[in-house]
Amino acid sequence: MSKVIVKGDPLPNMPWENRPRGSKSVVWRYSRNPVIPRDIIPCSNSVFNSAVVPFKGAFAGVFRCDDQRRCMRLHAGRSKDGLRWQIDPEPIAFQCDIPEIAAFEYGYDPRVCWIEDRYYVTWCNGYHGPTIGIAWTTDFKTFHQMENAYLPFNRNGVLFPRKINGKYVMLNRPSDNGHTPFGDIYCSESPDLIHWGCHRHVMGTKHPWESTKIGAGPIPIETSEGWLLFYHGVLTSCNGFVYSFGAALLDLEEPWKVRHRAAPYLLSPQRDYECVGDTPNVAFPCAALCDAKTGRLAIYYGGADTVTCLAFTQVDEVVQFIKENA
């Protein structure tokens, strides 16, 4: 049983693998990584940075699939065990009654968040530059596109799984139109998921492994110690950008306030499938499954902008790691 109280439902069928014998790592990799290869569907060049959620006793998700033209597209997928996936060969055909935004240029790095009665999808949406697209679904078959959240340029839009003080809340990272060499995490509020304001700075770059930019990762997990946030950080090395991920605890009612933040990373690109690919040296987290009863966590992350990987940890251990290494 988890000592840290996790708000959520039991998820006994989530993917899980015990820590390897002799390992002292807080986060450990799945021994059969990657869980989704780059060519799982005929048109895909790569499948990575994707979002997975529990769905009707199994699992569903939205996946970034760069096709063989190298166009960035979003595809829906389903799995019975969270490990073996069936991904739709055709991109999601969003239903949208707003002609000005319906034909967006590209979509990538999705997140999926259950709020109240439906799943909301957020993604980096090409509308005269990158902004945050929003859509909702109840069945992962029909997706209804809403207004974009922000003006360009913005990335890493991550919703909280409940309203906070009566408002929807989203983490985001203002950026530029290129491979942004800067970036802090901000928090924004909305009464209706259309009009966004009350922007607050959450945190910026701090430690060497994240000295270039940071961005929110999976949907925050509500715990008795605060919102557990996994986030990516980027170091500019002699060989280019290096993407690792770490963790922090945010205040439950004022989530722009950081209560604790670990100085070391939790996982950095060190395996071949993280170091070799279309973009070398990337471990980019986008989704996390949590069993509230046991505190088990399964984190889905992109490897080298090419494949989808999986890592495991326990909520208790991560919270302890954050506090002891803040």
Protein backbone atom coordinates (compact mmCIF):
# COMPACT_ATOMS: atom_id res chain seq x y z
CA MET A 1 0.00 0.00 0.00
CA SER A 2 1.16 3.52 -0.79
CA LYS A 3 1.92 5.73 2.23
CA VAL A 4 1.38 8.83 0.13
CA ILE A 5 -2.33 9.09 -0.57
CA VAL A 6 -3.07 9.16 -4.30
CA LYS A 7 -6.42 10.51 -5.48
CA GLY A 8 -7.75 8.24 -8.19
CA ASP A 9 -9.02 4.79 -8.94
CA PRO A 10 -7.34 1.41 -8.54
CA LEU A 11 -5.70 0.24 -11.74
CA PRO A 12 -4.68 -3.35 -11.04
CA ASN A 13 -4.30 -4.25 -14.73
CA MET A 14 -1.82 -1.49 -15.55
CA PRO A 15 1.55 -2.49 -17.05
CA TRP A 16 4.08 -3.31 -14.35
CA GLU A 17 7.51 -4.87 -13.96
CA ASN A 18 9.37 -5.13 -10.67
CA ARG A 19 12.61 -3.29 -10.16
CA PRO A 20 15.56 -5.26 -11.55
CA ARG A 21 17.55 -7.11 -8.95
CA GLY A 22 20.41 -4.99 -7.68
CA SER A 23 19.03 -1.74 -9.06
CA LYS A 24 18.79 1.28 -6.79
CA SER A 25 17.23 3.58 -9.39
CA VAL A 26 14.03 5.38 -8.41
CA VAL A 27 12.79 4.94 -11.98
CA TRP A 28 13.59 1.78 -13.94
CA ARG A 29 13.05 0.93 -17.61
CA TYR A 30 10.84 -1.81 -18.98
CA SER A 31 13.06 -4.73 -19.96
CA ARG A 32 11.35 -5.09 -23.35
CA ASN A 33 11.55 -1.48 -24.48
CA PRO A 34 10.49 -0.06 -26.81
CA VAL A 35 6.82 -0.96 -26.37
CA ILE A 36 5.83 0.68 -29.68
CA PRO A 37 8.23 0.40 -32.62
CA ARG A 38 8.60 3.14 -35.19
CA ASP A 39 6.87 1.14 -37.95
CA ILE A 40 3.83 -0.27 -36.12
CA ILE A 41 1.56 1.02 -38.91
CA PRO A 42 2.46 0.99 -42.62
CA CYS A 43 2.67 4.76 -43.00
CA SER A 44 4.73 5.58 -39.90
CA ASN A 45 8.32 6.74 -39.87
CA SER A 46 8.21 7.00 -36.06
CA VAL A 47 5.75 6.77 -33.14
CA PHE A 48 6.71 8.65 -29.97
CA ASN A 49 5.71 11.32 -27.40
CA SER A 50 2.27 9.81 -26.98
CA ALA A 51 -0.57 9.86 -24.43
CA VAL A 52 -2.13 6.78 -22.78
CA VAL A 53 -5.11 6.56 -20.38
CA PRO A 54 -7.27 3.84 -18.81
CA PHE A 55 -10.37 3.20 -20.93
CA LYS A 56 -13.25 0.76 -20.29
CA GLY A 57 -11.17 -1.77 -18.40
CA ALA A 58 -8.31 -1.54 -20.88
CA PHE A 59 -6.31 1.34 -22.35
CA ALA A 60 -6.56 3.89 -25.14
CA GLY A 61 -4.51 6.81 -26.30
CA VAL A 62 -3.51 9.42 -28.83
CA PHE A 63 -0.17 8.88 -30.53
CA ARG A 64 2.23 11.08 -32.40
CA CYS A 65 2.92 9.33 -35.69
CA ASP A 66 5.27 11.09 -38.07
CA ASP A 67 4.50 9.62 -41.47
CA GLN A 68 6.87 8.77 -44.31
CA ARG A 69 6.50 12.26 -45.73
CA ARG A 70 7.67 13.38 -42.25
CA CYS A 71 4.33 15.08 -41.59
CA MET A 72 3.41 15.16 -37.88
CA ARG A 73 0.00 13.57 -37.32
CA LEU A 74 -2.13 12.31 -34.41
CA HIS A 75 -3.56 8.77 -34.42
CA ALA A 76 -5.86 6.99 -31.94
CA GLY A 77 -4.95 3.61 -30.51
CA ARG A 78 -6.14 0.89 -28.14
CA SER A 79 -4.59 -1.85 -26.02
CA LYS A 80 -5.80 -4.55 -23.65
CA ASP A 81 -2.67 -4.52 -21.50
CA GLY A 82 -0.96 -1.17 -22.18
CA LEU A 83 1.93 -2.98 -23.85
CA ARG A 84 0.64 -4.36 -27.16
CA TRP A 85 -1.01 -1.63 -29.17
CA GLN A 86 -3.30 -1.37 -32.15
CA ILE A 87 -2.97 2.06 -33.70
CA ASP A 88 -5.40 3.33 -36.30
CA PRO A 89 -3.62 3.54 -39.67
CA GLU A 90 -5.42 6.80 -40.53
CA PRO A 91 -4.89 10.04 -38.60
CA ILE A 92 -7.67 11.37 -36.38
CA ALA A 93 -10.24 13.27 -38.45
CA PHE A 94 -11.22 15.95 -35.95
CA GLN A 95 -14.79 17.24 -36.15
CA CYS A 96 -14.69 21.01 -36.02
CA ASP A 97 -17.30 23.66 -36.80
CA ILE A 98 -14.77 26.49 -36.67
CA PRO A 99 -13.46 26.79 -40.24
CA GLU A 100 -10.65 29.16 -39.27
CA ILE A 101 -8.86 26.48 -37.24
CA ALA A 102 -10.22 23.20 -38.65
CA ALA A 103 -7.46 22.61 -41.21
CA PHE A 104 -4.43 22.82 -38.94
CA GLU A 105 -0.95 22.35 -40.36
CA TYR A 106 0.39 19.68 -38.00
CA GLY A 107 -0.22 18.05 -34.62
CA TYR A 108 2.29 16.55 -32.23
CA ASP A 109 3.16 15.66 -28.61
CA PRO A 110 -0.41 15.01 -27.35
CA ARG A 111 -1.64 14.61 -23.80
CA VAL A 112 -4.97 13.09 -22.75
CA CYS A 113 -6.78 14.07 -19.55
CA TRP A 114 -10.07 12.81 -18.09
CA ILE A 115 -12.08 15.69 -16.59
CA GLU A 116 -15.59 15.11 -15.23
CA ASP A 117 -17.29 13.28 -18.10
CA ARG A 118 -14.93 13.15 -21.07
CA TYR A 119 -11.35 12.87 -22.25
CA TYR A 120 -9.66 16.09 -23.34
CA VAL A 121 -6.78 15.96 -25.80
CA THR A 122 -4.23 18.75 -25.91
CA TRP A 123 -1.44 18.91 -28.46
CA CYS A 124 1.03 21.21 -30.17
CA ASN A 125 -1.10 22.48 -33.03
CA GLY A 126 0.16 24.23 -36.15
CA TYR A 127 -1.81 27.47 -36.50
CA HIS A 128 0.54 30.04 -38.04
CA GLY A 129 3.13 28.61 -35.69
CA PRO A 130 2.84 26.23 -32.74
CA THR A 131 0.02 26.73 -30.26
CA ILE A 132 -2.06 24.42 -28.05
CA GLY A 133 -4.97 22.61 -29.70
CA ILE A 134 -7.82 21.19 -27.60
CA ALA A 135 -10.37 18.51 -28.45
CA TRP A 136 -12.58 16.09 -26.55
CA THR A 137 -13.76 12.53 -27.01
CA THR A 138 -15.77 9.93 -25.13
CA ASP A 139 -14.94 6.89 -27.27
CA PHE A 140 -11.57 7.51 -28.98
CA LYS A 141 -13.39 7.27 -32.28
CA THR A 142 -14.93 10.72 -32.67
CA PHE A 143 -12.90 13.75 -31.63
CA HIS A 144 -14.42 17.25 -31.36
CA GLN A 145 -11.94 20.08 -31.87
CA MET A 146 -12.37 23.25 -29.82
CA GLU A 147 -10.73 26.66 -29.99
CA ASN A 148 -6.96 26.80 -29.67
CA ALA A 149 -5.92 27.76 -26.15
CA TYR A 150 -3.27 30.39 -26.83
CA LEU A 151 -1.68 32.60 -29.42
CA PRO A 152 1.40 31.16 -31.09
CA PHE A 153 3.98 30.38 -29.91
CA ASN A 154 3.33 27.80 -27.20
CA ARG A 155 4.01 24.13 -26.49
CA ASN A 156 3.53 21.42 -23.85
CA GLY A 157 -0.08 22.15 -22.92
CA VAL A 158 -0.95 19.86 -19.99
CA LEU A 159 -4.34 20.00 -18.24
CA PHE A 160 -4.92 19.25 -14.57
CA PRO A 161 -7.41 16.38 -14.04
CA ARG A 162 -9.92 18.49 -12.10
CA LYS A 163 -11.02 22.10 -11.77
CA ILE A 164 -9.07 24.07 -9.19
CA ASN A 165 -11.03 26.81 -7.42
CA GLY A 166 -13.74 26.44 -10.05
CA LYS A 167 -11.40 26.89 -13.05
CA TYR A 168 -9.80 24.61 -15.60
CA VAL A 169 -6.02 24.84 -15.27
CA MET A 170 -3.32 24.11 -17.83
CA LEU A 171 0.46 24.11 -17.70
CA ASN A 172 2.16 25.44 -20.83
CA ARG A 173 5.44 26.75 -22.17
CA PRO A 174 5.62 29.93 -24.25
CA SER A 175 8.20 29.42 -26.98
CA ASP A 176 9.17 30.55 -30.45
CA ASN A 177 8.62 29.18 -33.96
CA GLY A 178 11.73 27.02 -34.08
CA HIS A 179 13.54 24.45 -31.96
CA THR A 180 13.21 26.77 -28.99
CA PRO A 181 16.48 27.42 -27.11
CA PHE A 182 14.61 28.67 -24.04
CA GLY A 183 11.47 27.94 -22.04
CA ASP A 184 9.85 28.09 -18.60
CA ILE A 185 6.65 26.43 -17.37
CA TYR A 186 3.61 28.66 -16.84
CA CYS A 187 0.14 27.98 -15.43
CA SER A 188 -3.05 29.40 -17.00
CA GLU A 189 -6.72 29.31 -15.96
CA SER A 190 -10.00 29.17 -17.88
CA PRO A 191 -13.71 29.19 -16.94
CA ASP A 192 -14.71 27.29 -20.10
CA LEU A 193 -11.60 25.80 -21.80
CA ILE A 194 -11.86 28.59 -24.41
CA HIS A 195 -10.83 31.83 -22.70
CA TRP A 196 -7.47 31.56 -20.96
CA GLY A 197 -5.88 34.04 -18.55
CA CYS A 198 -4.49 34.54 -15.03
CA HIS A 199 -1.11 33.35 -16.30
CA ARG A 200 1.38 32.52 -13.55
CA HIS A 201 5.02 31.54 -13.70
CA VAL A 202 5.60 28.06 -12.23
CA MET A 203 9.30 27.38 -12.65
CA GLY A 204 12.24 27.98 -14.93
CA THR A 205 15.53 26.32 -15.72
CA LYS A 206 17.64 25.66 -12.65
CA HIS A 207 20.01 22.70 -12.75
CA PRO A 208 22.61 21.78 -15.41
CA TRP A 209 20.60 18.85 -16.87
CA GLU A 210 17.71 21.28 -17.57
CA SER A 211 19.69 24.46 -18.18
CA THR A 212 18.29 25.23 -21.67
CA LYS A 213 14.52 24.76 -21.22
CA ILE A 214 11.86 22.74 -19.42
CA GLY A 215 8.30 21.63 -20.19
CA ALA A 216 5.46 19.80 -18.45
CA GLY A 217 5.15 16.08 -19.17
CA PRO A 218 2.28 13.73 -18.16
CA ILE A 219 -0.98 14.88 -16.58
CA PRO A 220 -0.19 15.87 -12.95
CA ILE A 221 -1.10 13.25 -10.33
CA GLU A 222 -2.98 14.45 -7.26
CA THR A 223 -1.42 13.22 -4.00
CA SER A 224 -1.56 14.11 -0.33
CA GLU A 225 1.85 15.77 -0.80
CA GLY A 226 0.79 17.96 -3.73
CA TRP A 227 0.48 17.60 -7.50
CA LEU A 228 3.17 15.20 -8.66
CA LEU A 229 4.55 16.65 -11.89
CA PHE A 230 6.97 14.87 -14.19
CA TYR A 231 8.63 17.28 -16.60
CA HIS A 232 11.34 17.23 -19.23
CA GLY A 233 14.48 19.30 -19.09
CA VAL A 234 16.97 20.05 -21.84
CA LEU A 235 20.74 20.45 -21.72
CA THR A 236 22.61 21.93 -24.66
CA SER A 237 25.69 19.73 -25.11
CA CYS A 238 28.52 19.65 -27.63
CA ASN A 239 26.37 17.15 -29.54
CA GLY A 240 23.13 19.15 -29.39
CA PHE A 241 20.11 18.98 -27.10
CA VAL A 242 19.80 16.24 -24.45
CA TYR A 243 16.27 15.61 -23.10
CA SER A 244 15.92 14.01 -19.64
CA PHE A 245 13.06 14.04 -17.16
CA GLY A 246 12.66 14.92 -13.52
CA ALA A 247 9.90 15.63 -11.00
CA ALA A 248 8.43 18.29 -8.71
CA LEU A 249 5.53 18.73 -6.27
CA LEU A 250 3.13 21.63 -6.84
CA ASP A 251 0.66 23.13 -4.38
CA LEU A 252 -2.79 21.53 -4.64
CA GLU A 253 -4.81 24.77 -4.67
CA GLU A 254 -2.20 27.17 -6.07
CA PRO A 255 -0.41 24.95 -8.58
CA TRP A 256 1.91 27.72 -9.76
CA LYS A 257 3.67 27.37 -6.39
CA VAL A 258 6.42 24.75 -6.32
CA ARG A 259 6.61 23.01 -2.95
CA HIS A 260 9.56 20.73 -3.73
CA ARG A 261 11.67 20.11 -6.83
CA ALA A 262 14.36 17.46 -7.21
CA ALA A 263 17.76 18.65 -8.35
CA PRO A 264 18.84 15.41 -10.13
CA TYR A 265 16.99 13.97 -13.10
CA LEU A 266 15.03 10.74 -12.74
CA LEU A 267 15.90 9.30 -16.16
CA SER A 268 18.23 10.45 -18.91
CA PRO A 269 18.89 9.02 -22.39
CA GLN A 270 21.40 6.22 -21.87
CA ARG A 271 20.04 3.22 -23.76
CA ASP A 272 20.46 2.72 -27.51
CA TYR A 273 16.75 3.34 -28.19
CA GLU A 274 17.04 6.70 -26.39
CA CYS A 275 20.37 7.73 -27.85
CA VAL A 276 20.03 6.58 -31.48
CA GLY A 277 17.15 7.68 -33.70
CA ASP A 278 15.78 10.62 -35.63
CA THR A 279 16.69 12.95 -32.75
CA PRO A 280 19.47 11.45 -30.63
CA ASN A 281 19.56 11.67 -26.84
CA VAL A 282 15.88 12.13 -25.98
CA ALA A 283 13.75 10.72 -23.15
CA PHE A 284 10.49 12.70 -23.34
CA PRO A 285 7.62 11.77 -20.94
CA CYS A 286 4.02 12.35 -22.07
CA ALA A 287 1.79 10.00 -20.03
CA ALA A 288 1.65 8.17 -16.71
CA LEU A 289 -0.65 5.44 -15.43
CA CYS A 290 -1.10 5.20 -11.66
CA ASP A 291 -2.71 2.57 -9.45
CA ALA A 292 -4.01 4.67 -6.55
CA LYS A 293 -4.16 1.64 -4.24
CA THR A 294 -0.53 0.53 -4.54
CA GLY A 295 1.09 3.75 -5.80
CA ARG A 296 2.55 1.97 -8.80
CA LEU A 297 3.41 4.25 -11.71
CA ALA A 298 4.04 3.45 -15.37
CA ILE A 299 5.51 6.34 -17.38
CA TYR A 300 5.32 6.38 -21.18
CA TYR A 301 8.09 8.34 -22.86
CA GLY A 302 9.47 8.92 -26.33
CA GLY A 303 12.92 7.55 -27.15
CA ALA A 304 15.09 9.52 -29.58
CA ASP A 305 11.96 10.98 -31.26
CA THR A 306 11.51 7.55 -32.83
CA VAL A 307 9.88 4.96 -30.53
CA THR A 308 7.63 4.78 -27.46
CA CYS A 309 9.12 3.41 -24.25
CA LEU A 310 7.98 2.60 -20.73
CA ALA A 311 9.47 3.06 -17.26
CA PHE A 312 8.22 2.25 -13.76
CA THR A 313 8.39 3.66 -10.26
CA GLN A 314 6.39 4.04 -7.03
CA VAL A 315 4.69 7.26 -5.89
CA ASP A 316 6.18 6.94 -2.38
CA GLU A 317 9.69 6.62 -3.75
CA VAL A 318 9.37 9.53 -6.17
CA VAL A 319 7.94 11.84 -3.49
CA GLN A 320 10.71 10.85 -1.09
CA PHE A 321 13.31 11.40 -3.84
CA ILE A 322 11.94 14.86 -4.59
CA LYS A 323 11.95 15.94 -0.95
CA GLU A 324 15.37 14.53 -0.13
CA ASN A 325 16.98 16.03 -3.24
CA ALA A 326 15.28 19.43 -3.40
